[in-house]
């Protein structure tokens, strides 16, 4: 299993690096839309396994619409993004879900069906869209470097937590949700995240002259991103346990489903985006 985890992780990292390096903006948004659709498909499968009614294709099409419309309507004059786009798209999706439910023959599961569909939009599509916003707001070059930085910090945090936890063991961190996660693994992952956040900053910040990204920002983000990654992993584990399944899918050998791989990214991308918008100046401001 460890061998497959390592091989799958390197293959994913290589594919991501190739996408970041060679794809134009249209290709980048197509990849993000595809990833969003995969995540929503697996979330739908989790709901189905838990016996929760929902509108699968409405959720998937809505998520892809959110990703594509955010990219399509971005405006550099407004800081790279029209701030009303997401609100309008989410309103449209919510209204469509409500109206569709009105025409369903049975209404005894109406609340569960509407809530589950919209939860997928928030949990998968809306959180995943922050990767899209990193590209749009900070520019294609800086945005790609920031996503590369994010992936390296978060995934190497996972690696550090895995090996530290296996090596040291000790008390469980949150056994009710994730029986395998230990305090030693969480602390080891946090330390690893901080170290690689600083290393990542050292290598990428000379290539981002328009973003005043300092070493102390990397130190703070190392802690924030590592902690948010742990939270994202625990939340996805909670969703899986509520659905009664072990993995969100089997798309990636040795690593479970797609959501099992990107769960930590969905919670760390908003943290990185919000921190940069609030605390890091750009040349355009």
Protein backbone atom coordinates (compact mmCIF):
# COMPACT_ATOMS: atom_id res chain seq x y z
CA UNK A 1 0.00 0.00 0.00
CA UNK A 2 2.81 2.43 0.84
CA UNK A 3 4.45 1.70 -2.52
CA UNK A 4 1.24 2.54 -4.36
CA UNK A 5 0.78 5.71 -2.30
CA UNK A 6 4.25 6.93 -3.23
CA UNK A 7 3.91 6.01 -6.92
CA UNK A 8 0.45 7.58 -7.20
CA UNK A 9 1.61 10.70 -5.38
CA UNK A 10 4.57 11.19 -7.72
CA UNK A 11 2.40 10.62 -10.80
CA UNK A 12 -0.12 13.20 -9.59
CA UNK A 13 2.65 15.69 -8.77
CA UNK A 14 4.18 15.21 -12.23
CA UNK A 15 0.84 15.71 -13.95
CA UNK A 16 0.17 18.83 -11.91
CA UNK A 17 3.60 20.30 -12.66
CA UNK A 18 3.11 19.63 -16.37
CA UNK A 19 -0.32 21.28 -16.30
CA UNK A 20 1.00 24.32 -14.45
CA UNK A 21 3.91 24.69 -16.83
CA UNK A 22 2.38 24.11 -20.25
CA UNK A 23 -1.38 24.71 -20.24
CA UNK A 24 -2.83 28.10 -21.25
CA UNK A 25 -5.49 29.69 -19.08
CA UNK A 26 -8.26 27.88 -20.97
CA UNK A 27 -6.58 24.55 -20.33
CA UNK A 28 -6.06 25.37 -16.66
CA UNK A 29 -9.74 26.14 -16.11
CA UNK A 30 -10.69 22.98 -18.03
CA UNK A 31 -8.55 20.92 -15.65
CA UNK A 32 -10.10 22.63 -12.63
CA UNK A 33 -13.61 22.06 -14.01
CA UNK A 34 -12.81 18.38 -14.60
CA UNK A 35 -11.44 18.01 -11.07
CA UNK A 36 -14.53 19.72 -9.67
CA UNK A 37 -16.79 17.35 -11.63
CA UNK A 38 -14.85 14.33 -10.34
CA UNK A 39 -15.15 15.59 -6.78
CA UNK A 40 -18.90 16.15 -7.11
CA UNK A 41 -19.36 12.72 -8.72
CA UNK A 42 -17.64 11.07 -5.74
CA UNK A 43 -19.58 13.23 -3.27
CA UNK A 44 -22.77 12.09 -4.99
CA UNK A 45 -21.62 8.48 -4.60
CA UNK A 46 -21.08 9.07 -0.87
CA UNK A 47 -24.60 10.48 -0.56
CA UNK A 48 -26.00 7.49 -2.45
CA UNK A 49 -24.11 5.08 -0.19
CA UNK A 50 -25.61 6.85 2.82
CA UNK A 51 -29.11 6.61 1.38
CA UNK A 52 -29.44 10.40 1.05
CA UNK A 53 -31.51 11.62 -1.93
CA UNK A 54 -30.04 14.37 -4.08
CA UNK A 55 -29.81 15.71 -7.63
CA UNK A 56 -26.52 14.31 -8.94
CA UNK A 57 -26.34 15.94 -12.37
CA UNK A 58 -27.70 19.26 -11.14
CA UNK A 59 -24.85 19.41 -8.64
CA UNK A 60 -22.18 18.39 -11.15
CA UNK A 61 -23.35 20.80 -13.85
CA UNK A 62 -23.72 23.56 -11.27
CA UNK A 63 -20.17 23.04 -10.03
CA UNK A 64 -18.70 23.13 -13.52
CA UNK A 65 -20.76 26.26 -14.25
CA UNK A 66 -19.33 27.95 -11.16
CA UNK A 67 -15.73 27.20 -12.19
CA UNK A 68 -16.17 28.22 -15.84
CA UNK A 69 -18.23 31.37 -15.15
CA UNK A 70 -15.73 32.60 -12.55
CA UNK A 71 -13.01 32.33 -15.19
CA UNK A 72 -15.16 33.71 -18.03
CA UNK A 73 -16.30 36.86 -16.25
CA UNK A 74 -13.08 37.80 -14.50
CA UNK A 75 -12.09 41.42 -14.96
CA UNK A 76 -8.50 42.61 -14.36
CA UNK A 77 -9.80 46.12 -13.65
CA UNK A 78 -11.57 44.73 -10.57
CA UNK A 79 -8.52 42.97 -9.21
CA UNK A 80 -8.85 40.00 -11.53
CA UNK A 81 -12.37 38.93 -10.64
CA UNK A 82 -15.92 40.26 -10.76
CA UNK A 83 -16.98 39.90 -7.10
CA UNK A 84 -20.63 39.29 -8.01
CA UNK A 85 -20.09 36.29 -10.28
CA UNK A 86 -20.00 33.63 -7.59
CA UNK A 87 -23.02 35.07 -5.79
CA UNK A 88 -25.10 35.15 -8.96
CA UNK A 89 -24.14 31.62 -10.00
CA UNK A 90 -24.80 30.20 -6.53
CA UNK A 91 -28.16 31.94 -6.41
CA UNK A 92 -29.07 30.52 -9.80
CA UNK A 93 -28.11 27.00 -8.74
CA UNK A 94 -30.01 27.27 -5.45
CA UNK A 95 -33.10 28.61 -7.23
CA UNK A 96 -32.93 25.78 -9.78
CA UNK A 97 -32.66 23.16 -7.03
CA UNK A 98 -35.66 24.62 -5.17
CA UNK A 99 -37.80 24.82 -8.30
CA UNK A 100 -36.82 21.33 -9.44
CA UNK A 101 -37.82 19.92 -6.07
CA UNK A 102 -41.26 21.51 -6.47
CA UNK A 103 -41.91 19.26 -9.47
CA UNK A 104 -40.78 16.03 -7.81
CA UNK A 105 -43.63 13.56 -7.25
CA UNK A 106 -42.79 13.04 -3.55
CA UNK A 107 -41.90 15.72 -1.01
CA UNK A 108 -41.21 13.60 2.07
CA UNK A 109 -37.45 13.77 1.33
CA UNK A 110 -37.47 17.30 -0.09
CA UNK A 111 -35.37 18.86 2.66
CA UNK A 112 -32.72 16.14 2.51
CA UNK A 113 -32.58 16.26 -1.30
CA UNK A 114 -32.19 20.04 -1.52
CA UNK A 115 -29.77 20.27 1.41
CA UNK A 116 -27.54 17.45 0.16
CA UNK A 117 -27.32 18.88 -3.37
CA UNK A 118 -26.44 22.36 -2.11
CA UNK A 119 -23.97 20.94 0.43
CA UNK A 120 -22.06 19.41 -2.47
CA UNK A 121 -21.96 22.81 -4.14
CA UNK A 122 -20.49 24.43 -1.03
CA UNK A 123 -18.22 21.61 0.13
CA UNK A 124 -16.76 20.71 -3.26
CA UNK A 125 -17.43 23.35 -5.94
CA UNK A 126 -17.28 26.57 -3.90
CA UNK A 127 -14.18 25.54 -1.95
CA UNK A 128 -12.49 24.17 -5.06
CA UNK A 129 -13.19 27.44 -6.88
CA UNK A 130 -10.63 29.19 -4.67
CA UNK A 131 -7.93 27.48 -6.77
CA UNK A 132 -9.52 29.16 -9.77
CA UNK A 133 -9.51 32.50 -7.95
CA UNK A 134 -5.82 32.16 -7.10
CA UNK A 135 -5.13 32.00 -10.83
CA UNK A 136 -7.44 34.86 -11.74
CA UNK A 137 -6.70 37.37 -9.02
CA UNK A 138 -2.93 37.00 -8.82
CA UNK A 139 -2.24 36.41 -12.50
CA UNK A 140 -1.42 33.35 -14.54
CA UNK A 141 2.28 33.26 -13.59
CA UNK A 142 1.97 34.17 -9.92
CA UNK A 143 -1.24 32.17 -9.54
CA UNK A 144 0.38 29.00 -10.87
CA UNK A 145 3.35 29.45 -8.58
CA UNK A 146 1.02 29.97 -5.62
CA UNK A 147 -0.92 26.79 -6.45
CA UNK A 148 2.37 24.91 -6.81
CA UNK A 149 3.45 26.28 -3.43
CA UNK A 150 0.11 25.29 -1.91
CA UNK A 151 0.22 21.73 -3.25
CA UNK A 152 3.82 21.18 -2.15
CA UNK A 153 3.22 22.46 1.38
CA UNK A 154 -0.05 20.60 1.92
CA UNK A 155 0.96 17.29 0.37
CA UNK A 156 4.40 17.22 1.99
CA UNK A 157 2.63 17.98 5.26
CA UNK A 158 0.58 14.82 4.64
CA UNK A 159 3.75 12.85 3.94
CA UNK A 160 5.44 14.18 7.09
CA UNK A 161 2.38 13.36 9.18
CA UNK A 162 2.15 9.85 7.71
CA UNK A 163 5.75 8.88 8.35
CA UNK A 164 5.96 10.57 11.75
CA UNK A 165 2.73 8.94 12.91
CA UNK A 166 3.82 5.51 11.69
CA UNK A 167 7.24 5.89 13.28
CA UNK A 168 6.27 7.32 16.68
CA UNK A 169 2.65 6.28 17.14
CA UNK A 170 1.18 7.43 20.43
CA UNK A 171 -2.18 8.84 21.49
CA UNK A 172 -4.90 9.19 18.89
CA UNK A 173 -5.77 12.68 17.69
CA UNK A 174 -9.46 12.30 16.81
CA UNK A 175 -10.30 8.55 17.04
CA UNK A 176 -14.06 9.02 16.65
CA UNK A 177 -13.53 10.28 13.11
CA UNK A 178 -10.02 9.16 12.07
CA UNK A 179 -8.75 6.22 14.16
CA UNK A 180 -5.34 6.13 12.45
CA UNK A 181 -4.40 9.78 13.03
CA UNK A 182 -2.11 10.40 16.02
CA UNK A 183 -0.91 13.48 17.84
CA UNK A 184 2.68 12.68 16.82
CA UNK A 185 1.60 12.58 13.18
CA UNK A 186 -0.25 15.88 13.43
CA UNK A 187 2.70 17.62 15.10
CA UNK A 188 5.15 16.03 12.65
CA UNK A 189 3.01 17.19 9.76
CA UNK A 190 2.81 20.71 11.18
CA UNK A 191 6.59 20.94 11.50
CA UNK A 192 7.04 19.54 7.99
CA UNK A 193 4.53 22.04 6.63
CA UNK A 194 6.33 25.00 8.18
CA UNK A 195 9.72 23.83 6.88
CA UNK A 196 8.51 23.32 3.33
CA UNK A 197 6.49 26.52 3.39
CA UNK A 198 9.69 28.44 4.07
CA UNK A 199 11.59 26.44 1.46
CA UNK A 200 8.81 26.95 -1.07
CA UNK A 201 8.80 30.69 -0.37
CA UNK A 202 12.57 30.83 -0.85
CA UNK A 203 12.35 29.35 -4.34
CA UNK A 204 9.19 31.03 -5.66
CA UNK A 205 9.20 34.55 -4.24
CA UNK A 206 11.97 35.83 -6.59
CA UNK A 207 9.66 34.93 -9.49
CA UNK A 208 6.72 36.93 -8.11
CA UNK A 209 7.92 40.56 -8.11
CA UNK A 210 4.36 41.94 -8.10
CA UNK A 211 3.45 40.08 -4.90
CA UNK A 212 5.11 41.23 -1.68
CA UNK A 213 5.20 37.72 -0.20
CA UNK A 214 7.67 37.81 2.74
CA UNK A 215 9.31 35.07 4.79
CA UNK A 216 7.12 35.79 7.82
CA UNK A 217 4.06 35.27 5.61
CA UNK A 218 5.43 31.85 4.68
CA UNK A 219 5.98 31.05 8.37
CA UNK A 220 2.41 31.97 9.28
CA UNK A 221 0.99 30.19 6.26
CA UNK A 222 2.99 27.08 7.07
CA UNK A 223 1.06 26.80 10.33
CA UNK A 224 -2.31 27.85 8.88
CA UNK A 225 -2.14 25.60 5.82
CA UNK A 226 -1.00 22.58 7.81
CA UNK A 227 -3.78 23.02 10.36
CA UNK A 228 -6.39 23.61 7.64
CA UNK A 229 -5.16 20.51 5.80
CA UNK A 230 -5.71 18.40 8.91
CA UNK A 231 -9.20 19.88 9.30
CA UNK A 232 -10.01 19.14 5.66
CA UNK A 233 -8.87 15.55 6.01
CA UNK A 234 -10.93 15.07 9.18
CA UNK A 235 -14.04 16.59 7.60
CA UNK A 236 -13.81 14.27 4.60
CA UNK A 237 -13.32 11.33 6.97
CA UNK A 238 -16.44 12.42 8.82
CA UNK A 239 -18.42 12.52 5.56
CA UNK A 240 -17.19 9.05 4.62
CA UNK A 241 -18.04 7.60 8.03
CA UNK A 242 -21.52 9.14 7.86
CA UNK A 243 -21.93 7.42 4.48
CA UNK A 244 -20.56 4.11 5.75
CA UNK A 245 -17.69 3.82 3.25
CA UNK A 246 -13.91 3.57 3.65
CA UNK A 247 -12.80 5.52 0.56
CA UNK A 248 -14.58 8.16 -1.46
CA UNK A 249 -13.76 6.15 -4.59
CA UNK A 250 -11.19 3.92 -6.28
CA UNK A 251 -9.95 6.21 -9.01
CA UNK A 252 -6.38 6.41 -7.66
CA UNK A 253 -4.67 3.14 -6.75
CA UNK A 254 -3.33 3.11 -3.22
CA UNK A 255 -4.93 6.45 -2.31
CA UNK A 256 -8.66 5.80 -2.56
CA UNK A 257 -10.81 8.31 -4.38
CA UNK A 258 -10.20 11.73 -5.82
CA UNK A 259 -11.67 13.44 -2.76
CA UNK A 260 -9.29 11.44 -0.56
CA UNK A 261 -6.43 13.20 -2.35
CA UNK A 262 -7.76 16.76 -2.64
CA UNK A 263 -9.71 17.01 0.65
CA UNK A 264 -6.93 18.99 2.31
CA UNK A 265 -6.52 21.26 -0.73
CA UNK A 266 -10.19 22.25 -0.65
CA UNK A 267 -9.76 23.78 2.79
CA UNK A 268 -6.27 25.20 2.35
CA UNK A 269 -6.89 27.02 -0.96
CA UNK A 270 -9.40 29.41 0.72
CA UNK A 271 -6.96 29.99 3.59
CA UNK A 272 -4.15 30.91 1.19
CA UNK A 273 -6.40 33.13 -0.93
CA UNK A 274 -7.92 34.99 2.04
CA UNK A 275 -4.55 35.49 3.74
CA UNK A 276 -2.97 36.89 0.58
CA UNK A 277 -5.92 39.21 -0.08
CA UNK A 278 -5.93 40.56 3.48
CA UNK A 279 -2.27 40.69 4.45
CA UNK A 280 -0.04 40.59 1.37
CA UNK A 281 0.22 43.63 -0.87
CA UNK A 282 0.45 43.50 -4.64
CA UNK A 283 1.90 46.03 -7.04
CA UNK A 284 -1.57 46.73 -8.38
CA UNK A 285 -2.90 47.94 -5.00
